[in-house]
C-alpha atoms as a PDB file:
ATOM      1  CA  MET A   1      84.212  93.852 112.388  1.00  0.00           C
ATOM      2  CA  LEU A   2      87.515  92.781 110.925  1.00  0.00           C
ATOM      3  CA  GLY A   3      90.750  93.626 112.642  1.00  0.00           C
ATOM      4  CA  PRO A   4      93.536  95.654 111.030  1.00  0.00           C
ATOM      5  CA  ASP A   5      95.618  92.544 110.304  1.00  0.00           C
ATOM      6  CA  HIS A   6      92.761  90.907 108.416  1.00  0.00           C
ATOM      7  CA  GLU A   7      92.073  94.062 106.411  1.00  0.00           C
ATOM      8  CA  LEU A   8      95.758  94.351 105.528  1.00  0.00           C
ATOM      9  CA  ALA A   9      95.823  90.713 104.386  1.00  0.00           C
ATOM     10  CA  ALA A  10      92.714  91.276 102.249  1.00  0.00           C
ATOM     11  CA  ARG A  11      94.322  94.295 100.555  1.00  0.00           C
ATOM     12  CA  GLY A  12      97.446  92.220  99.922  1.00  0.00           C
ATOM     13  CA  LEU A  13      95.393  89.466  98.288  1.00  0.00           C
ATOM     14  CA  THR A  14      93.599  91.992  96.093  1.00  0.00           C
ATOM     15  CA  ARG A  15      96.888  93.560  94.992  1.00  0.00           C
ATOM     16  CA  ARG A  16      98.438  90.184  94.170  1.00  0.00           C
ATOM     17  CA  ARG A  17      95.312  89.091  92.287  1.00  0.00           C
ATOM     18  CA  GLU A  18      95.377  92.315  90.266  1.00  0.00           C
ATOM     19  CA  GLN A  19      99.085  91.880  89.502  1.00  0.00           C
ATOM     20  CA  LEU A  20      98.475  88.288  88.400  1.00  0.00           C
ATOM     21  CA  GLY A  21      95.613  89.428  86.162  1.00  0.00           C
ATOM     22  CA  ALA A  22      97.858  92.061  84.596  1.00  0.00           C
ATOM     23  CA  ILE A  23     100.631  89.520  83.957  1.00  0.00           C
ATOM     24  CA  ILE A  24      98.235  87.062  82.343  1.00  0.00           C
ATOM     25  CA  SER A  25      96.571  89.792  80.239  1.00  0.00           C
ATOM     26  CA  ARG A  26      99.968  90.953  78.968  1.00  0.00           C
ATOM     27  CA  ALA A  27     100.932  87.327  78.308  1.00  0.00           C
ATOM     28  CA  VAL A  28      97.854  86.978  76.088  1.00  0.00           C
ATOM     29  CA  ARG A  29      98.819  90.095  74.171  1.00  0.00           C
ATOM     30  CA  HIS A  30     102.596  89.689  74.011  1.00  0.00           C
ATOM     31  CA  GLY A  31     103.292  86.009  74.750  1.00  0.00           C
ATOM     32  CA  LEU A  32     104.232  84.101  77.874  1.00  0.00           C
ATOM     33  CA  VAL A  33     107.961  84.430  77.362  1.00  0.00           C
ATOM     34  CA  SER A  34     107.770  88.208  77.411  1.00  0.00           C
ATOM     35  CA  GLN A  35     106.204  88.173  80.887  1.00  0.00           C
ATOM     36  CA  SER A  36     108.626  85.739  82.509  1.00  0.00           C
ATOM     37  CA  ARG A  37     111.191  88.275  83.626  1.00  0.00           C
ATOM     38  CA  ALA A  38     113.179  85.648  85.528  1.00  0.00           C
ATOM     39  CA  GLN A  39     112.964  83.269  82.531  1.00  0.00           C
ATOM     40  CA  HIS A  40     111.179  80.680  84.673  1.00  0.00           C
ATOM     41  CA  PRO A  41     111.387  77.313  82.842  1.00  0.00           C
ATOM     42  CA  ASN A  42     107.750  76.413  83.653  1.00  0.00           C
ATOM     43  CA  PHE A  43     106.209  79.874  83.704  1.00  0.00           C
ATOM     44  CA  PHE A  44     102.818  78.671  82.466  1.00  0.00           C
ATOM     45  CA  GLU A  45     102.602  76.152  85.314  1.00  0.00           C
ATOM     46  CA  LEU A  46     103.671  78.832  87.774  1.00  0.00           C
ATOM     47  CA  LEU A  47     100.798  81.033  86.610  1.00  0.00           C
ATOM     48  CA  ARG A  48      98.386  78.108  86.774  1.00  0.00           C
ATOM     49  CA  GLY A  49      99.403  77.510  90.389  1.00  0.00           C
ATOM     50  CA  ARG A  50      98.903  81.155  91.274  1.00  0.00           C
ATOM     51  CA  VAL A  51      95.458  81.107  89.703  1.00  0.00           C
ATOM     52  CA  SER A  52      94.641  78.070  91.870  1.00  0.00           C
ATOM     53  CA  TRP A  53      95.783  80.066  94.884  1.00  0.00           C
ATOM     54  CA  VAL A  54      93.408  82.898  93.945  1.00  0.00           C
ATOM     55  CA  GLU A  55      90.637  80.354  93.450  1.00  0.00           C
ATOM     56  CA  GLN A  56      90.750  79.362  97.098  1.00  0.00           C
ATOM     57  CA  ALA A  57      89.782  82.864  98.201  1.00  0.00           C
ATOM     58  CA  ARG A  58      87.961  84.312  95.175  1.00  0.00           C
ATOM     59  CA  PRO A  59      86.575  81.635  92.800  1.00  0.00           C
ATOM     60  CA  GLN A  60      84.802  84.213  90.623  1.00  0.00           C
ATOM     61  CA  HIS A  61      88.081  86.034  89.949  1.00  0.00           C
ATOM     62  CA  ALA A  62      89.928  82.787  89.294  1.00  0.00           C
ATOM     63  CA  LEU A  63      87.412  81.886  86.586  1.00  0.00           C
ATOM     64  CA  LYS A  64      88.313  85.053  84.681  1.00  0.00           C
ATOM     65  CA  LEU A  65      92.025  84.338  85.066  1.00  0.00           C
ATOM     66  CA  ARG A  66      91.608  80.709  83.946  1.00  0.00           C
ATOM     67  CA  LYS A  67      89.891  81.842  80.749  1.00  0.00           C
ATOM     68  CA  LEU A  68      92.768  84.181  79.934  1.00  0.00           C
ATOM     69  CA  LEU A  69      95.266  81.457  80.788  1.00  0.00           C
ATOM     70  CA  ALA A  70      93.464  79.116  78.369  1.00  0.00           C
ATOM     71  CA  ILE A  71      94.168  81.619  75.592  1.00  0.00           C
ATOM     72  CA  CYS A  72      97.856  81.571  76.564  1.00  0.00           C
ATOM     73  CA  GLU A  73      97.836  77.785  76.517  1.00  0.00           C
ATOM     74  CA  ALA A  74      96.294  77.726  73.043  1.00  0.00           C
ATOM     75  CA  ALA A  75      98.905  80.186  71.826  1.00  0.00           C
ATOM     76  CA  ARG A  76     101.791  78.047  73.051  1.00  0.00           C
ATOM     77  CA  SER A  77     100.504  74.850  71.441  1.00  0.00           C
ATOM     78  CA  PRO A  78     102.651  73.948  68.415  1.00  0.00           C
ATOM     79  CA  SER A  79      99.608  72.619  66.547  1.00  0.00           C
ATOM     80  CA  ILE A  80      97.636  75.848  66.874  1.00  0.00           C
ATOM     81  CA  SER A  81      98.685  79.034  65.154  1.00  0.00           C
ATOM     82  CA  VAL A  82      97.476  81.963  67.209  1.00  0.00           C
ATOM     83  CA  GLY A  83      98.506  85.283  65.780  1.00  0.00           C
ATOM     84  CA  PRO A  84      98.009  88.765  67.183  1.00  0.00           C
ATOM     85  CA  HIS A  85      94.689  89.148  65.342  1.00  0.00           C
ATOM     86  CA  ILE A  86      93.190  86.042  66.957  1.00  0.00           C
ATOM     87  CA  GLU A  87      94.571  86.968  70.384  1.00  0.00           C
ATOM     88  CA  LEU A  88      93.126  90.462  70.086  1.00  0.00           C
ATOM     89  CA  HIS A  89      89.793  89.015  68.959  1.00  0.00           C
ATOM     90  CA  ALA A  90      89.756  86.661  71.965  1.00  0.00           C
ATOM     91  CA  ILE A  91      90.586  89.486  74.372  1.00  0.00           C
ATOM     92  CA  THR A  92      87.898  91.694  72.832  1.00  0.00           C
ATOM     93  CA  HIS A  93      85.364  88.884  73.118  1.00  0.00           C
ATOM     94  CA  ILE A  94      86.253  88.197  76.752  1.00  0.00           C
ATOM     95  CA  GLU A  95      86.178  91.898  77.642  1.00  0.00           C
ATOM     96  CA  SER A  96      82.856  92.484  75.879  1.00  0.00           C
ATOM     97  CA  SER A  97      81.264  89.515  77.639  1.00  0.00           C
ATOM     98  CA  GLY A  98      82.228  90.984  81.018  1.00  0.00           C
ATOM     99  CA  LEU A  99      84.664  88.232  81.961  1.00  0.00           C
ATOM    100  CA  ILE A 100      87.455  90.703  82.758  1.00  0.00           C
END
């Protein structure tokens, strides 16, 4: 049986993972810049690092986050035009395939 400290840590990880998922989902819908409240200069890399952190404990959840982050990366590429319609289509496809 797990002790109270371990259970508390597990709940904290779950909450942070859920918050990260929400940030990345909103970034797909509204753009990375809109989610960087502190105007972090390398916000995408910050998110990538946090996804790697999740991956250490929950690889299956990190896979979902990485797929959403890939959409964000495509949207920020100057050579790729990703409008709201394409982003919405990608989100709908990911949601319907059970990835999030």
